[in-house]
Amino acid sequence: MTSQSQGIQQLLQAEKRAKDKLEEAKKRKGKRLKQAKEEATAEIDHYRLQREKEFRNKETNVMGSQGNLSAKIEEQTTEAIRNLTSSYHRNMENMMKKLLSTICDIRPEIHPNFRPAV
């Protein structure tokens, strides 16, 4: 009987050691998962910062050329305004004469569809 109880004791001790090893492995697995998650988060943050920096560089290049485009458009607009102003001053007198002659020189005529009352 002592041999049986000794065998049972050994089995119980082996089971306890296996249980302890299993729990230790679970803890290591939990730590490793947490560490992997932190590493992944750090890598994602690094990648995000890198992509944002590239985006800002591209945006600066595009906006810089848009600034040049803006200056060109401003210059063209100024030139167009200058041309319209000079055209206005050249043609203003002539147009005013035409408008005044149309308004002031009235030639009364009877409309062709008018029928006098009988």
PDB file of N, CA and C in Angstrom:
ATOM      1  N   MET A   1       0.796  -1.174   0.000  1.00  0.00           N
ATOM      2  CA  MET A   1       0.000   0.000   0.000  1.00  0.00           C
ATOM      3  C   MET A   1       0.860   1.268   0.000  1.00  0.00           C
ATOM      4  N   THR A   2       1.932   1.252   0.695  1.00  0.00           N
ATOM      5  CA  THR A   2       2.801   2.399   0.701  1.00  0.00           C
ATOM      6  C   THR A   2       3.376   2.643  -0.672  1.00  0.00           C
ATOM      7  N   SER A   3       3.611   1.597  -1.363  1.00  0.00           N
ATOM      8  CA  SER A   3       4.136   1.758  -2.707  1.00  0.00           C
ATOM      9  C   SER A   3       3.081   2.398  -3.604  1.00  0.00           C
ATOM     10  N   GLN A   4       1.819   1.994  -3.367  1.00  0.00           N
ATOM     11  CA  GLN A   4       0.737   2.605  -4.158  1.00  0.00           C
ATOM     12  C   GLN A   4       0.571   4.075  -3.801  1.00  0.00           C
ATOM     13  N   SER A   5       0.594   4.389  -2.510  1.00  0.00           N
ATOM     14  CA  SER A   5       0.426   5.783  -2.107  1.00  0.00           C
ATOM     15  C   SER A   5       1.629   6.607  -2.547  1.00  0.00           C
ATOM     16  N   GLN A   6       2.793   5.983  -2.577  1.00  0.00           N
ATOM     17  CA  GLN A   6       3.968   6.680  -3.062  1.00  0.00           C
ATOM     18  C   GLN A   6       3.835   6.942  -4.566  1.00  0.00           C
ATOM     19  N   GLY A   7       3.308   5.997  -5.333  1.00  0.00           N
ATOM     20  CA  GLY A   7       3.080   6.171  -6.771  1.00  0.00           C
ATOM     21  C   GLY A   7       2.051   7.262  -7.033  1.00  0.00           C
ATOM     22  N   ILE A   8       1.020   7.281  -6.175  1.00  0.00           N
ATOM     23  CA  ILE A   8      -0.021   8.300  -6.307  1.00  0.00           C
ATOM     24  C   ILE A   8       0.582   9.674  -6.016  1.00  0.00           C
ATOM     25  N   GLN A   9       1.413   9.718  -4.977  1.00  0.00           N
ATOM     26  CA  GLN A   9       2.073  10.971  -4.635  1.00  0.00           C
ATOM     27  C   GLN A   9       2.943  11.464  -5.794  1.00  0.00           C
ATOM     28  N   GLN A  10       3.675  10.541  -6.412  1.00  0.00           N
ATOM     29  CA  GLN A  10       4.519  10.916  -7.556  1.00  0.00           C
ATOM     30  C   GLN A  10       3.653  11.418  -8.707  1.00  0.00           C
ATOM     31  N   LEU A  11       2.540  10.734  -8.947  1.00  0.00           N
ATOM     32  CA  LEU A  11       1.619  11.173 -10.009  1.00  0.00           C
ATOM     33  C   LEU A  11       1.072  12.571  -9.703  1.00  0.00           C
ATOM     34  N   LEU A  12       0.685  12.788  -8.446  1.00  0.00           N
ATOM     35  CA  LEU A  12       0.155  14.094  -8.071  1.00  0.00           C
ATOM     36  C   LEU A  12       1.218  15.180  -8.220  1.00  0.00           C
ATOM     37  N   GLN A  13       2.459  14.853  -7.825  1.00  0.00           N
ATOM     38  CA  GLN A  13       3.535  15.824  -7.966  1.00  0.00           C
ATOM     39  C   GLN A  13       3.816  16.105  -9.455  1.00  0.00           C
ATOM     40  N   ALA A  14       3.801  15.056 -10.274  1.00  0.00           N
ATOM     41  CA  ALA A  14       4.024  15.230 -11.715  1.00  0.00           C
ATOM     42  C   ALA A  14       2.901  16.068 -12.325  1.00  0.00           C
ATOM     43  N   GLU A  15       1.679  15.800 -11.882  1.00  0.00           N
ATOM     44  CA  GLU A  15       0.530  16.576 -12.383  1.00  0.00           C
ATOM     45  C   GLU A  15       0.671  18.037 -11.976  1.00  0.00           C
ATOM     46  N   LYS A  16       1.118  18.270 -10.711  1.00  0.00           N
ATOM     47  CA  LYS A  16       1.299  19.649 -10.244  1.00  0.00           C
ATOM     48  C   LYS A  16       2.394  20.347 -11.043  1.00  0.00           C
ATOM     49  N   ARG A  17       3.512  19.647 -11.306  1.00  0.00           N
ATOM     50  CA  ARG A  17       4.586  20.249 -12.105  1.00  0.00           C
ATOM     51  C   ARG A  17       4.098  20.564 -13.517  1.00  0.00           C
ATOM     52  N   ALA A  18       3.340  19.666 -14.100  1.00  0.00           N
ATOM     53  CA  ALA A  18       2.800  19.893 -15.449  1.00  0.00           C
ATOM     54  C   ALA A  18       1.859  21.091 -15.453  1.00  0.00           C
ATOM     55  N   LYS A  19       1.034  21.179 -14.411  1.00  0.00           N
ATOM     56  CA  LYS A  19       0.098  22.306 -14.288  1.00  0.00           C
ATOM     57  C   LYS A  19       0.870  23.617 -14.156  1.00  0.00           C
ATOM     58  N   ASP A  20       1.946  23.590 -13.325  1.00  0.00           N
ATOM     59  CA  ASP A  20       2.769  24.796 -13.153  1.00  0.00           C
ATOM     60  C   ASP A  20       3.439  25.187 -14.473  1.00  0.00           C
ATOM     61  N   LYS A  21       3.971  24.192 -15.189  1.00  0.00           N
ATOM     62  CA  LYS A  21       4.606  24.473 -16.477  1.00  0.00           C
ATOM     63  C   LYS A  21       3.589  25.035 -17.464  1.00  0.00           C
ATOM     64  N   LEU A  22       2.383  24.478 -17.439  1.00  0.00           N
ATOM     65  CA  LEU A  22       1.330  24.959 -18.335  1.00  0.00           C
ATOM     66  C   LEU A  22       0.965  26.412 -18.028  1.00  0.00           C
ATOM     67  N   GLU A  23       0.835  26.724 -16.734  1.00  0.00           N
ATOM     68  CA  GLU A  23       0.509  28.099 -16.360  1.00  0.00           C
ATOM     69  C   GLU A  23       1.650  29.044 -16.704  1.00  0.00           C
ATOM     70  N   GLU A  24       2.870  28.600 -16.505  1.00  0.00           N
ATOM     71  CA  GLU A  24       4.024  29.418 -16.863  1.00  0.00           C
ATOM     72  C   GLU A  24       4.059  29.663 -18.367  1.00  0.00           C
ATOM     73  N   ALA A  25       3.758  28.631 -19.139  1.00  0.00           N
ATOM     74  CA  ALA A  25       3.726  28.787 -20.604  1.00  0.00           C
ATOM     75  C   ALA A  25       2.617  29.761 -21.008  1.00  0.00           C
ATOM     76  N   LYS A  26       1.476  29.695 -20.341  1.00  0.00           N
ATOM     77  CA  LYS A  26       0.378  30.628 -20.640  1.00  0.00           C
ATOM     78  C   LYS A  26       0.799  32.065 -20.339  1.00  0.00           C
ATOM     79  N   LYS A  27       1.497  32.242 -19.196  1.00  0.00           N
ATOM     80  CA  LYS A  27       1.967  33.590 -18.846  1.00  0.00           C
ATOM     81  C   LYS A  27       2.958  34.101 -19.879  1.00  0.00           C
ATOM     82  N   ARG A  28       3.896  33.221 -20.290  1.00  0.00           N
ATOM     83  CA  ARG A  28       4.868  33.632 -21.309  1.00  0.00           C
ATOM     84  C   ARG A  28       4.164  33.973 -22.621  1.00  0.00           C
ATOM     85  N   LYS A  29       3.165  33.156 -22.958  1.00  0.00           N
ATOM     86  CA  LYS A  29       2.406  33.422 -24.187  1.00  0.00           C
ATOM     87  C   LYS A  29       1.688  34.776 -24.093  1.00  0.00           C
ATOM     88  N   GLY A  30       1.086  35.056 -22.939  1.00  0.00           N
ATOM     89  CA  GLY A  30       0.403  36.340 -22.735  1.00  0.00           C
ATOM     90  C   GLY A  30       1.382  37.501 -22.843  1.00  0.00           C
ATOM     91  N   LYS A  31       2.563  37.341 -22.215  1.00  0.00           N
ATOM     92  CA  LYS A  31       3.582  38.388 -22.294  1.00  0.00           C
ATOM     93  C   LYS A  31       4.025  38.584 -23.734  1.00  0.00           C
ATOM     94  N   ARG A  32       4.253  37.469 -24.429  1.00  0.00           N
ATOM     95  CA  ARG A  32       4.718  37.557 -25.821  1.00  0.00           C
ATOM     96  C   ARG A  32       3.658  38.217 -26.708  1.00  0.00           C
ATOM     97  N   LEU A  33       2.392  37.885 -26.507  1.00  0.00           N
ATOM     98  CA  LEU A  33       1.315  38.519 -27.278  1.00  0.00           C
ATOM     99  C   LEU A  33       1.264  40.021 -27.004  1.00  0.00           C
ATOM    100  N   LYS A  34       1.406  40.373 -25.730  1.00  0.00           N
ATOM    101  CA  LYS A  34       1.398  41.791 -25.370  1.00  0.00           C
ATOM    102  C   LYS A  34       2.583  42.507 -26.003  1.00  0.00           C
ATOM    103  N   GLN A  35       3.753  41.873 -25.948  1.00  0.00           N
ATOM    104  CA  GLN A  35       4.953  42.455 -26.540  1.00  0.00           C
ATOM    105  C   GLN A  35       4.786  42.588 -28.057  1.00  0.00           C
ATOM    106  N   ALA A  36       4.222  41.542 -28.694  1.00  0.00           N
ATOM    107  CA  ALA A  36       4.017  41.591 -30.147  1.00  0.00           C
ATOM    108  C   ALA A  36       3.041  42.706 -30.512  1.00  0.00           C
ATOM    109  N   LYS A  37       2.008  42.872 -29.690  1.00  0.00           N
ATOM    110  CA  LYS A  37       1.035  43.939 -29.938  1.00  0.00           C
ATOM    111  C   LYS A  37       1.702  45.306 -29.831  1.00  0.00           C
ATOM    112  N   GLU A  38       2.538  45.487 -28.811  1.00  0.00           N
ATOM    113  CA  GLU A  38       3.243  46.760 -28.643  1.00  0.00           C
ATOM    114  C   GLU A  38       4.198  47.013 -29.807  1.00  0.00           C
ATOM    115  N   GLU A  39       4.906  45.960 -30.249  1.00  0.00           N
ATOM    116  CA  GLU A  39       5.814  46.106 -31.388  1.00  0.00           C
ATOM    117  C   GLU A  39       5.044  46.468 -32.657  1.00  0.00           C
ATOM    118  N   ALA A  40       3.892  45.811 -32.849  1.00  0.00           N
ATOM    119  CA  ALA A  40       3.080  46.100 -34.036  1.00  0.00           C
ATOM    120  C   ALA A  40       2.567  47.539 -33.988  1.00  0.00           C
ATOM    121  N   THR A  41       2.130  47.983 -32.817  1.00  0.00           N
ATOM    122  CA  THR A  41       1.642  49.355 -32.675  1.00  0.00           C
ATOM    123  C   THR A  41       2.762  50.350 -32.975  1.00  0.00           C
ATOM    124  N   ALA A  42       3.957  50.061 -32.443  1.00  0.00           N
ATOM    125  CA  ALA A  42       5.100  50.954 -32.703  1.00  0.00           C
ATOM    126  C   ALA A  42       5.438  50.970 -34.189  1.00  0.00           C
ATOM    127  N   GLU A  43       5.400  49.810 -34.832  1.00  0.00           N
ATOM    128  CA  GLU A  43       5.699  49.733 -36.262  1.00  0.00           C
ATOM    129  C   GLU A  43       4.650  50.478 -37.084  1.00  0.00           C
ATOM    130  N   ILE A  44       3.383  50.332 -36.687  1.00  0.00           N
ATOM    131  CA  ILE A  44       2.299  51.035 -37.383  1.00  0.00           C
ATOM    132  C   ILE A  44       2.470  52.542 -37.231  1.00  0.00           C
ATOM    133  N   ASP A  45       2.779  52.986 -36.018  1.00  0.00           N
ATOM    134  CA  ASP A  45       2.987  54.422 -35.785  1.00  0.00           C
ATOM    135  C   ASP A  45       4.153  54.944 -36.630  1.00  0.00           C
ATOM    136  N   HIS A  46       5.229  54.181 -36.675  1.00  0.00           N
ATOM    137  CA  HIS A  46       6.400  54.581 -37.475  1.00  0.00           C
ATOM    138  C   HIS A  46       6.020  54.673 -38.955  1.00  0.00           C
ATOM    139  N   TYR A  47       5.298  53.676 -39.447  1.00  0.00           N
ATOM    140  CA  TYR A  47       4.871  53.668 -40.848  1.00  0.00           C
ATOM    141  C   TYR A  47       3.944  54.843 -41.138  1.00  0.00           C
ATOM    142  N   ARG A  48       3.007  55.099 -40.204  1.00  0.00           N
ATOM    143  CA  ARG A  48       2.068  56.210 -40.386  1.00  0.00           C
ATOM    144  C   ARG A  48       2.817  57.540 -40.454  1.00  0.00           C
ATOM    145  N   LEU A  49       3.777  57.738 -39.545  1.00  0.00           N
ATOM    146  CA  LEU A  49       4.559  58.978 -39.552  1.00  0.00           C
ATOM    147  C   LEU A  49       5.346  59.128 -40.850  1.00  0.00           C
ATOM    148  N   GLN A  50       5.915  58.021 -41.317  1.00  0.00           N
ATOM    149  CA  GLN A  50       6.680  58.054 -42.570  1.00  0.00           C
ATOM    150  C   GLN A  50       5.765  58.433 -43.738  1.00  0.00           C
ATOM    151  N   ARG A  51       4.590  57.815 -43.819  1.00  0.00           N
ATOM    152  CA  ARG A  51       3.657  58.111 -44.916  1.00  0.00           C
ATOM    153  C   ARG A  51       3.141  59.548 -44.828  1.00  0.00           C
ATOM    154  N   GLU A  52       2.877  60.043 -43.611  1.00  0.00           N
ATOM    155  CA  GLU A  52       2.424  61.421 -43.460  1.00  0.00           C
ATOM    156  C   GLU A  52       3.508  62.395 -43.907  1.00  0.00           C
ATOM    157  N   LYS A  53       4.762  62.071 -43.588  1.00  0.00           N
ATOM    158  CA  LYS A  53       5.869  62.924 -44.009  1.00  0.00           C
ATOM    159  C   LYS A  53       5.971  62.951 -45.526  1.00  0.00           C
ATOM    160  N   GLU A  54       5.845  61.782 -46.162  1.00  0.00           N
ATOM    161  CA  GLU A  54       5.871  61.731 -47.628  1.00  0.00           C
ATOM    162  C   GLU A  54       4.707  62.529 -48.207  1.00  0.00           C
ATOM    163  N   PHE A  55       3.533  62.388 -47.591  1.00  0.00           N
ATOM    164  CA  PHE A  55       2.358  63.114 -48.071  1.00  0.00           C
ATOM    165  C   PHE A  55       2.581  64.619 -47.969  1.00  0.00           C
ATOM    166  N   ARG A  56       3.130  65.069 -46.835  1.00  0.00           N
ATOM    167  CA  ARG A  56       3.393  66.501 -46.665  1.00  0.00           C
ATOM    168  C   ARG A  56       4.393  67.009 -47.699  1.00  0.00           C
ATOM    169  N   ASN A  57       5.411  66.190 -47.995  1.00  0.00           N
ATOM    170  CA  ASN A  57       6.387  66.590 -49.018  1.00  0.00           C
ATOM    171  C   ASN A  57       5.721  66.720 -50.380  1.00  0.00           C
ATOM    172  N   LYS A  58       4.908  65.735 -50.743  1.00  0.00           N
ATOM    173  CA  LYS A  58       4.201  65.793 -52.030  1.00  0.00           C
ATOM    174  C   LYS A  58       3.236  66.971 -52.055  1.00  0.00           C
ATOM    175  N   GLU A  59       2.541  67.175 -50.933  1.00  0.00           N
ATOM    176  CA  GLU A  59       1.591  68.286 -50.844  1.00  0.00           C
ATOM    177  C   GLU A  59       2.316  69.613 -51.018  1.00  0.00           C
ATOM    178  N   THR A  60       3.490  69.731 -50.400  1.00  0.00           N
ATOM    179  CA  THR A  60       4.274  70.958 -50.523  1.00  0.00           C
ATOM    180  C   THR A  60       4.704  71.170 -51.965  1.00  0.00           C
ATOM    181  N   ASN A  61       5.128  70.095 -52.622  1.00  0.00           N
ATOM    182  CA  ASN A  61       5.519  70.215 -54.035  1.00  0.00           C
ATOM    183  C   ASN A  61       4.346  70.657 -54.891  1.00  0.00           C
ATOM    184  N   VAL A  62       3.187  70.058 -54.661  1.00  0.00           N
ATOM    185  CA  VAL A  62       2.005  70.401 -55.458  1.00  0.00           C
ATOM    186  C   VAL A  62       1.539  71.811 -55.126  1.00  0.00           C
ATOM    187  N   MET A  63       1.488  72.122 -53.842  1.00  0.00           N
ATOM    188  CA  MET A  63       1.026  73.460 -53.455  1.00  0.00           C
ATOM    189  C   MET A  63       2.007  74.519 -53.927  1.00  0.00           C
ATOM    190  N   GLY A  64       3.289  74.177 -53.943  1.00  0.00           N
ATOM    191  CA  GLY A  64       4.281  75.121 -54.444  1.00  0.00           C
ATOM    192  C   GLY A  64       4.032  75.422 -55.903  1.00  0.00           C
ATOM    193  N   SER A  65       3.759  74.378 -56.688  1.00  0.00           N
ATOM    194  CA  SER A  65       3.476  74.614 -58.098  1.00  0.00           C
ATOM    195  C   SER A  65       2.126  75.297 -58.256  1.00  0.00           C
ATOM    196  N   GLN A  66       1.206  75.039 -57.330  1.00  0.00           N
ATOM    197  CA  GLN A  66      -0.067  75.752 -57.374  1.00  0.00           C
ATOM    198  C   GLN A  66       0.154  77.223 -57.078  1.00  0.00           C
ATOM    199  N   GLY A  67       1.104  77.520 -56.235  1.00  0.00           N
ATOM    200  CA  GLY A  67       1.434  78.917 -55.955  1.00  0.00           C
ATOM    201  C   GLY A  67       1.933  79.591 -57.215  1.00  0.00           C
ATOM    202  N   ASN A  68       2.780  78.903 -57.989  1.00  0.00           N
ATOM    203  CA  ASN A  68       3.244  79.441 -59.264  1.00  0.00           C
ATOM    204  C   ASN A  68       2.073  79.599 -60.215  1.00  0.00           C
ATOM    205  N   LEU A  69       1.186  78.601 -60.218  1.00  0.00           N
ATOM    206  CA  LEU A  69       0.008  78.669 -61.068  1.00  0.00           C
ATOM    207  C   LEU A  69      -0.850  79.860 -60.658  1.00  0.00           C
ATOM    208  N   SER A  70      -0.983  80.054 -59.371  1.00  0.00           N
ATOM    209  CA  SER A  70      -1.779  81.169 -58.858  1.00  0.00           C
ATOM    210  C   SER A  70      -1.197  82.501 -59.318  1.00  0.00           C
ATOM    211  N   ALA A  71       0.106  82.616 -59.289  1.00  0.00           N
ATOM    212  CA  ALA A  71       0.754  83.856 -59.727  1.00  0.00           C
ATOM    213  C   ALA A  71       0.520  84.072 -61.219  1.00  0.00           C
ATOM    214  N   LYS A  72       0.603  82.995 -62.007  1.00  0.00           N
ATOM    215  CA  LYS A  72       0.359  83.114 -63.453  1.00  0.00           C
ATOM    216  C   LYS A  72      -1.083  83.531 -63.721  1.00  0.00           C
ATOM    217  N   ILE A  73      -2.020  82.926 -63.011  1.00  0.00           N
ATOM    218  CA  ILE A  73      -3.437  83.268 -63.202  1.00  0.00           C
ATOM    219  C   ILE A  73      -3.678  84.715 -62.797  1.00  0.00           C
ATOM    220  N   GLU A  74      -3.060  85.137 -61.714  1.00  0.00           N
ATOM    221  CA  GLU A  74      -3.193  86.530 -61.264  1.00  0.00           C
ATOM    222  C   GLU A  74      -2.669  87.488 -62.334  1.00  0.00           C
ATOM    223  N   GLU A  75      -1.545  87.135 -62.905  1.00  0.00           N
ATOM    224  CA  GLU A  75      -0.947  87.972 -63.951  1.00  0.00           C
ATOM    225  C   GLU A  75      -1.855  88.033 -65.181  1.00  0.00           C
ATOM    226  N   GLN A  76      -2.401  86.883 -65.583  1.00  0.00           N
ATOM    227  CA  GLN A  76      -3.303  86.851 -66.742  1.00  0.00           C
ATOM    228  C   GLN A  76      -4.563  87.657 -66.468  1.00  0.00           C
ATOM    229  N   THR A  77      -5.077  87.551 -65.256  1.00  0.00           N
ATOM    230  CA  THR A  77      -6.280  88.311 -64.902  1.00  0.00           C
ATOM    231  C   THR A  77      -6.009  89.805 -64.944  1.00  0.00           C
ATOM    232  N   THR A  78      -4.890  90.207 -64.415  1.00  0.00           N
ATOM    233  CA  THR A  78      -4.522  91.626 -64.441  1.00  0.00           C
ATOM    234  C   THR A  78      -4.401  92.118 -65.875  1.00  0.00           C
ATOM    235  N   GLU A  79      -3.782  91.318 -66.736  1.00  0.00           N
ATOM    236  CA  GLU A  79      -3.636  91.684 -68.152  1.00  0.00           C
ATOM    237  C   GLU A  79      -5.003  91.797 -68.825  1.00  0.00           C
ATOM    238  N   ALA A  80      -5.902  90.856 -68.550  1.00  0.00           N
ATOM    239  CA  ALA A  80      -7.242  90.900 -69.136  1.00  0.00           C
ATOM    240  C   ALA A  80      -7.998  92.136 -68.670  1.00  0.00           C
ATOM    241  N   ILE A  81      -7.882  92.474 -67.399  1.00  0.00           N
ATOM    242  CA  ILE A  81      -8.547  93.684 -66.872  1.00  0.00           C
ATOM    243  C   ILE A  81      -7.982  94.930 -67.540  1.00  0.00           C
ATOM    244  N   ARG A  82      -6.675  94.967 -67.713  1.00  0.00           N
ATOM    245  CA  ARG A  82      -6.049  96.104 -68.374  1.00  0.00           C
ATOM    246  C   ARG A  82      -6.563  96.247 -69.810  1.00  0.00           C
ATOM    247  N   ASN A  83      -6.656  95.118 -70.538  1.00  0.00           N
ATOM    248  CA  ASN A  83      -7.163  95.159 -71.922  1.00  0.00           C
ATOM    249  C   ASN A  83      -8.608  95.623 -71.977  1.00  0.00           C
ATOM    250  N   LEU A  84      -9.447  95.100 -71.057  1.00  0.00           N
ATOM    251  CA  LEU A  84     -10.851  95.507 -71.039  1.00  0.00           C
ATOM    252  C   LEU A  84     -10.999  96.990 -70.708  1.00  0.00           C
ATOM    253  N   THR A  85     -10.199  97.471 -69.796  1.00  0.00           N
ATOM    254  CA  THR A  85     -10.260  98.890 -69.423  1.00  0.00           C
ATOM    255  C   THR A  85      -9.870  99.777 -70.593  1.00  0.00           C
ATOM    256  N   SER A  86      -8.810  99.410 -71.287  1.00  0.00           N
ATOM    257  CA  SER A  86      -8.391 100.227 -72.432  1.00  0.00           C
ATOM    258  C   SER A  86      -9.442 100.166 -73.547  1.00  0.00           C
ATOM    259  N   SER A  87     -10.037  98.994 -73.760  1.00  0.00           N
ATOM    260  CA  SER A  87     -11.093  98.864 -74.767  1.00  0.00           C
ATOM    261  C   SER A  87     -12.302  99.717 -74.388  1.00  0.00           C
ATOM    262  N   TYR A  88     -12.629  99.728 -73.117  1.00  0.00           N
ATOM    263  CA  TYR A  88     -13.738 100.545 -72.627  1.00  0.00           C
ATOM    264  C   TYR A  88     -13.477 102.017 -72.919  1.00  0.00           C
ATOM    265  N   HIS A  89     -12.304 102.490 -72.597  1.00  0.00           N
ATOM    266  CA  HIS A  89     -11.990 103.906 -72.819  1.00  0.00           C
ATOM    267  C   HIS A  89     -11.971 104.255 -74.316  1.00  0.00           C
ATOM    268  N   ARG A  90     -11.522 103.332 -75.149  1.00  0.00           N
ATOM    269  CA  ARG A  90     -11.497 103.590 -76.598  1.00  0.00           C
ATOM    270  C   ARG A  90     -12.906 103.671 -77.178  1.00  0.00           C
ATOM    271  N   ASN A  91     -13.806 102.803 -76.721  1.00  0.00           N
ATOM    272  CA  ASN A  91     -15.125 102.695 -77.348  1.00  0.00           C
ATOM    273  C   ASN A  91     -16.243 103.408 -76.600  1.00  0.00           C
ATOM    274  N   MET A  92     -15.959 103.991 -75.464  1.00  0.00           N
ATOM    275  CA  MET A  92     -16.993 104.616 -74.646  1.00  0.00           C
ATOM    276  C   MET A  92     -17.679 105.772 -75.392  1.00  0.00           C
ATOM    277  N   GLU A  93     -16.905 106.659 -75.980  1.00  0.00           N
ATOM    278  CA  GLU A  93     -17.473 107.832 -76.647  1.00  0.00           C
ATOM    279  C   GLU A  93     -18.379 107.413 -77.812  1.00  0.00           C
ATOM    280  N   ASN A  94     -17.912 106.508 -78.614  1.00  0.00           N
ATOM    281  CA  ASN A  94     -18.680 106.043 -79.768  1.00  0.00           C
ATOM    282  C   ASN A  94     -19.982 105.368 -79.321  1.00  0.00           C
ATOM    283  N   MET A  95     -19.906 104.535 -78.296  1.00  0.00           N
ATOM    284  CA  MET A  95     -21.100 103.842 -77.799  1.00  0.00           C
ATOM    285  C   MET A  95     -22.109 104.830 -77.228  1.00  0.00           C
ATOM    286  N   MET A  96     -21.635 105.824 -76.506  1.00  0.00           N
ATOM    287  CA  MET A  96     -22.549 106.824 -75.937  1.00  0.00           C
ATOM    288  C   MET A  96     -23.292 107.569 -77.057  1.00  0.00           C
ATOM    289  N   LYS A  97     -22.594 107.893 -78.138  1.00  0.00           N
ATOM    290  CA  LYS A  97     -23.252 108.563 -79.278  1.00  0.00           C
ATOM    291  C   LYS A  97     -24.330 107.671 -79.869  1.00  0.00           C
ATOM    292  N   LYS A  98     -24.030 106.375 -80.037  1.00  0.00           N
ATOM    293  CA  LYS A  98     -25.022 105.450 -80.600  1.00  0.00           C
ATOM    294  C   LYS A  98     -26.239 105.339 -79.686  1.00  0.00           C
ATOM    295  N   LEU A  99     -26.014 105.202 -78.392  1.00  0.00           N
ATOM    296  CA  LEU A  99     -27.133 105.085 -77.451  1.00  0.00           C
ATOM    297  C   LEU A  99     -27.992 106.352 -77.451  1.00  0.00           C
ATOM    298  N   LEU A 100     -27.339 107.510 -77.404  1.00  0.00           N
ATOM    299  CA  LEU A 100     -28.097 108.765 -77.393  1.00  0.00           C
ATOM    300  C   LEU A 100     -28.863 108.973 -78.689  1.00  0.00           C
ATOM    301  N   SER A 101     -28.255 108.612 -79.804  1.00  0.00           N
ATOM    302  CA  SER A 101     -28.971 108.786 -81.071  1.00  0.00           C
ATOM    303  C   SER A 101     -30.168 107.839 -81.140  1.00  0.00           C
ATOM    304  N   THR A 102     -30.034 106.638 -80.623  1.00  0.00           N
ATOM    305  CA  THR A 102     -31.157 105.691 -80.633  1.00  0.00           C
ATOM    306  C   THR A 102     -32.274 106.178 -79.728  1.00  0.00           C
ATOM    307  N   ILE A 103     -31.925 106.739 -78.599  1.00  0.00           N
ATOM    308  CA  ILE A 103     -32.935 107.189 -77.642  1.00  0.00           C
ATOM    309  C   ILE A 103     -33.545 108.525 -78.063  1.00  0.00           C
ATOM    310  N   CYS A 104     -32.754 109.462 -78.538  1.00  0.00           N
ATOM    311  CA  CYS A 104     -33.234 110.821 -78.798  1.00  0.00           C
ATOM    312  C   CYS A 104     -33.823 111.000 -80.201  1.00  0.00           C
ATOM    313  N   ASP A 105     -33.335 110.303 -81.186  1.00  0.00           N
ATOM    314  CA  ASP A 105     -33.832 110.474 -82.548  1.00  0.00           C
ATOM    315  C   ASP A 105     -35.021 109.532 -82.774  1.00  0.00           C
ATOM    316  N   ILE A 106     -36.174 110.042 -82.427  1.00  0.00           N
ATOM    317  CA  ILE A 106     -37.385 109.235 -82.546  1.00  0.00           C
ATOM    318  C   ILE A 106     -38.065 109.589 -83.866  1.00  0.00           C
ATOM    319  N   ARG A 107     -38.386 108.594 -84.634  1.00  0.00           N
ATOM    320  CA  ARG A 107     -39.115 108.781 -85.885  1.00  0.00           C
ATOM    321  C   ARG A 107     -40.482 108.124 -85.723  1.00  0.00           C
ATOM    322  N   PRO A 108     -41.512 108.913 -85.502  1.00  0.00           N
ATOM    323  CA  PRO A 108     -42.831 108.315 -85.310  1.00  0.00           C
ATOM    324  C   PRO A 108     -43.360 107.736 -86.627  1.00  0.00           C
ATOM    325  N   GLU A 109     -43.758 106.487 -86.565  1.00  0.00           N
ATOM    326  CA  GLU A 109     -44.332 105.809 -87.733  1.00  0.00           C
ATOM    327  C   GLU A 109     -45.537 105.015 -87.268  1.00  0.00           C
ATOM    328  N   ILE A 110     -46.467 104.825 -88.157  1.00  0.00           N
ATOM    329  CA  ILE A 110     -47.639 104.015 -87.850  1.00  0.00           C
ATOM    330  C   ILE A 110     -47.259 102.557 -88.102  1.00  0.00           C
ATOM    331  N   HIS A 111     -47.634 101.750 -87.166  1.00  0.00           N
ATOM    332  CA  HIS A 111     -47.310 100.324 -87.258  1.00  0.00           C
ATOM    333  C   HIS A 111     -48.059  99.730 -88.446  1.00  0.00           C
ATOM    334  N   PRO A 112     -47.419  98.819 -89.184  1.00  0.00           N
ATOM    335  CA  PRO A 112     -48.073  98.255 -90.372  1.00  0.00           C
ATOM    336  C   PRO A 112     -49.364  97.498 -90.054  1.00  0.00           C
ATOM    337  N   ASN A 113     -49.540  97.019 -88.878  1.00  0.00           N
ATOM    338  CA  ASN A 113     -50.752  96.262 -88.536  1.00  0.00           C
ATOM    339  C   ASN A 113     -51.880  97.162 -88.038  1.00  0.00           C
ATOM    340  N   PHE A 114     -51.630  98.442 -87.910  1.00  0.00           N
ATOM    341  CA  PHE A 114     -52.642  99.339 -87.386  1.00  0.00           C
ATOM    342  C   PHE A 114     -53.734  99.557 -88.440  1.00  0.00           C
ATOM    343  N   ARG A 115     -54.989  99.433 -88.010  1.00  0.00           N
ATOM    344  CA  ARG A 115     -56.131  99.673 -88.895  1.00  0.00           C
ATOM    345  C   ARG A 115     -56.981 100.755 -88.245  1.00  0.00           C
ATOM    346  N   PRO A 116     -57.173 101.801 -88.965  1.00  0.00           N
ATOM    347  CA  PRO A 116     -57.965 102.881 -88.360  1.00  0.00           C
ATOM    348  C   PRO A 116     -59.422 102.434 -88.154  1.00  0.00           C
ATOM    349  N   ALA A 117     -60.037 102.978 -87.127  1.00  0.00           N
ATOM    350  CA  ALA A 117     -61.431 102.616 -86.839  1.00  0.00           C
ATOM    351  C   ALA A 117     -62.331 103.166 -87.913  1.00  0.00           C
ATOM    352  N   VAL A 118     -63.242 102.389 -88.381  1.00  0.00           N
ATOM    353  CA  VAL A 118     -64.132 102.820 -89.454  1.00  0.00           C
ATOM    354  C   VAL A 118     -65.408 103.369 -88.939  1.00  0.00           C
TER     355      VAL A 118
END
